[in-house]
Amino acid sequence: MAKITFSKEGNTPFQQLMGYNKTIMTQWSVLEECFFSSNTFTPELKEEIRRTLAFNNGCEYCMAKGKPSNKIIDSKISVATKTADLISKSHTLDDAHFNLLKSEFSEDEISELLALICFITASQKFGALLDLQPTCSI
């Protein structure tokens, strides 16, 4: 059970925890849709990032959706998940890792990738802090 009661705003348990401020919940959902409807990265890349971060950020709700793959062949997905892993553990990237990013992604893509990682991290930290569980229902 979540640490606070669900608000009446929102369609998902996550939204209802954020729904005490309807404007923030609505804009958060708009930004989430913007990231996940973007065609910059494949759905597989985004999902592997989400899974990697879920386990590092301790979000039970997100972890229940699956573990990260341990057999990634695609080099872009591999570099993206390594980047997410490093950011979530050390909160920084060294020059060597930035050079690796630049070998796989354009600057536009790097900007979007890092923003996506930060957004997912914020969402998952919010869920973890409020103890959002996969069994939470509204």
Protein backbone atom coordinates (compact mmCIF):
# COMPACT_ATOMS: atom_id res chain seq x y z
CA MET A 1 0.00 0.00 0.00
CA ALA A 2 1.26 3.45 -0.90
CA LYS A 3 2.38 5.80 1.88
CA ILE A 4 -0.35 8.32 1.06
CA THR A 5 -3.89 7.73 -0.11
CA PHE A 6 -4.71 8.00 -3.78
CA SER A 7 -6.25 11.28 -4.94
CA LYS A 8 -9.35 11.30 -7.07
CA GLU A 9 -7.41 12.71 -10.04
CA GLY A 10 -5.69 10.49 -12.60
CA ASN A 11 -6.21 7.20 -14.37
CA THR A 12 -3.33 5.15 -12.92
CA PRO A 13 -2.03 4.61 -9.40
CA PHE A 14 1.02 6.74 -10.27
CA GLN A 15 -1.17 9.59 -11.54
CA GLN A 16 -3.40 9.40 -8.50
CA LEU A 17 -0.42 9.76 -6.17
CA MET A 18 0.64 12.82 -8.14
CA GLY A 19 -2.96 13.97 -8.62
CA TYR A 20 -3.11 16.12 -5.51
CA ASN A 21 -1.85 18.85 -7.83
CA LYS A 22 -3.82 18.30 -11.02
CA THR A 23 -1.74 20.76 -13.07
CA ILE A 24 1.53 19.01 -12.23
CA MET A 25 0.01 15.57 -12.84
CA THR A 26 -1.39 16.67 -16.19
CA GLN A 27 1.83 18.30 -17.38
CA TRP A 28 3.91 15.36 -16.14
CA SER A 29 1.69 13.06 -18.19
CA VAL A 30 2.07 15.32 -21.24
CA LEU A 31 5.85 15.21 -20.92
CA GLU A 32 5.76 11.43 -20.48
CA GLU A 33 3.71 11.10 -23.67
CA CYS A 34 6.16 13.40 -25.47
CA PHE A 35 9.09 11.16 -24.54
CA PHE A 36 7.39 7.88 -25.32
CA SER A 37 5.81 9.02 -28.60
CA SER A 38 9.09 10.45 -29.89
CA ASN A 39 10.52 8.53 -32.83
CA THR A 40 14.13 9.36 -31.95
CA PHE A 41 14.63 5.99 -30.24
CA THR A 42 13.04 2.60 -30.68
CA PRO A 43 10.46 1.38 -28.18
CA GLU A 44 12.93 -1.41 -27.30
CA LEU A 45 15.66 1.10 -26.36
CA LYS A 46 13.26 3.10 -24.19
CA GLU A 47 11.98 -0.05 -22.48
CA GLU A 48 15.48 -1.32 -21.70
CA ILE A 49 16.35 2.05 -20.19
CA ARG A 50 13.16 1.98 -18.11
CA ARG A 51 13.91 -1.55 -16.89
CA THR A 52 17.54 -0.74 -16.05
CA LEU A 53 16.55 2.33 -14.08
CA ALA A 54 13.67 0.61 -12.26
CA PHE A 55 16.04 -1.73 -10.47
CA ASN A 56 18.56 1.00 -9.68
CA ASN A 57 15.89 3.41 -8.47
CA GLY A 58 14.06 0.84 -6.34
CA CYS A 59 10.61 1.33 -7.85
CA GLU A 60 8.69 -1.88 -7.10
CA TYR A 61 5.85 -0.81 -9.41
CA CYS A 62 8.29 -0.48 -12.32
CA MET A 63 10.39 -3.53 -11.43
CA ALA A 64 7.30 -5.72 -11.69
CA LYS A 65 7.16 -4.98 -15.43
CA GLY A 66 10.34 -6.97 -16.05
CA LYS A 67 14.08 -7.22 -15.55
CA PRO A 68 16.61 -5.70 -17.95
CA SER A 69 17.70 -7.98 -20.75
CA ASN A 70 21.07 -9.61 -20.27
CA LYS A 71 21.52 -10.30 -23.98
CA ILE A 72 21.51 -6.94 -25.75
CA ILE A 73 22.96 -7.14 -29.25
CA ASP A 74 22.09 -3.67 -30.58
CA SER A 75 25.00 -1.28 -29.88
CA LYS A 76 22.76 1.77 -29.38
CA ILE A 77 20.65 -0.02 -26.78
CA SER A 78 23.79 -1.31 -25.09
CA VAL A 79 25.34 2.16 -24.82
CA ALA A 80 22.03 3.72 -23.76
CA THR A 81 21.46 1.20 -20.96
CA LYS A 82 25.07 1.50 -19.80
CA THR A 83 24.58 5.28 -19.70
CA ALA A 84 21.38 4.92 -17.66
CA ASP A 85 23.11 2.50 -15.30
CA LEU A 86 26.07 4.84 -14.77
CA ILE A 87 23.91 7.92 -14.22
CA SER A 88 21.67 6.15 -11.73
CA LYS A 89 24.64 4.85 -9.74
CA SER A 90 27.24 7.62 -9.94
CA HIS A 91 25.19 10.63 -11.08
CA THR A 92 27.90 11.58 -13.57
CA LEU A 93 29.53 10.53 -16.84
CA ASP A 94 33.26 10.78 -17.47
CA ASP A 95 34.83 11.95 -20.74
CA ALA A 96 35.47 8.40 -21.91
CA HIS A 97 31.78 7.55 -21.61
CA PHE A 98 30.78 10.77 -23.38
CA ASN A 99 33.08 9.78 -26.24
CA LEU A 100 31.30 6.42 -26.36
CA LEU A 101 27.94 8.23 -26.48
CA LYS A 102 29.20 10.44 -29.31
CA SER A 103 30.30 7.36 -31.27
CA GLU A 104 26.72 6.03 -31.26
CA PHE A 105 24.47 9.10 -31.04
CA SER A 106 24.20 12.59 -32.48
CA GLU A 107 24.17 15.56 -30.11
CA ASP A 108 20.40 15.85 -30.60
CA GLU A 109 20.03 12.21 -29.60
CA ILE A 110 22.36 12.59 -26.60
CA SER A 111 20.32 15.51 -25.33
CA GLU A 112 17.06 13.58 -25.65
CA LEU A 113 18.56 10.39 -24.19
CA LEU A 114 19.83 12.17 -21.08
CA ALA A 115 16.53 14.00 -20.64
CA LEU A 116 14.66 10.68 -20.97
CA ILE A 117 16.92 9.04 -18.37
CA CYS A 118 16.39 11.95 -15.97
CA PHE A 119 12.61 11.94 -16.50
CA ILE A 120 12.28 8.20 -15.94
CA THR A 121 14.51 8.47 -12.87
CA ALA A 122 12.34 11.22 -11.40
CA SER A 123 9.17 9.21 -12.04
CA GLN A 124 10.61 6.07 -10.50
CA LYS A 125 12.03 7.89 -7.48
CA PHE A 126 8.58 9.41 -6.89
CA GLY A 127 7.01 5.95 -7.03
CA ALA A 128 9.68 4.46 -4.77
CA LEU A 129 9.43 7.25 -2.19
CA LEU A 130 5.67 6.77 -1.93
CA ASP A 131 6.02 2.96 -1.91
CA LEU A 132 3.95 2.46 -5.05
CA GLN A 133 3.51 -1.29 -5.35
CA PRO A 134 2.60 -3.37 -8.41
CA THR A 135 -0.48 -4.55 -6.55
CA CYS A 136 -1.75 -1.02 -5.91
CA SER A 137 -5.13 -0.53 -7.47
CA ILE A 138 -7.39 2.46 -7.70
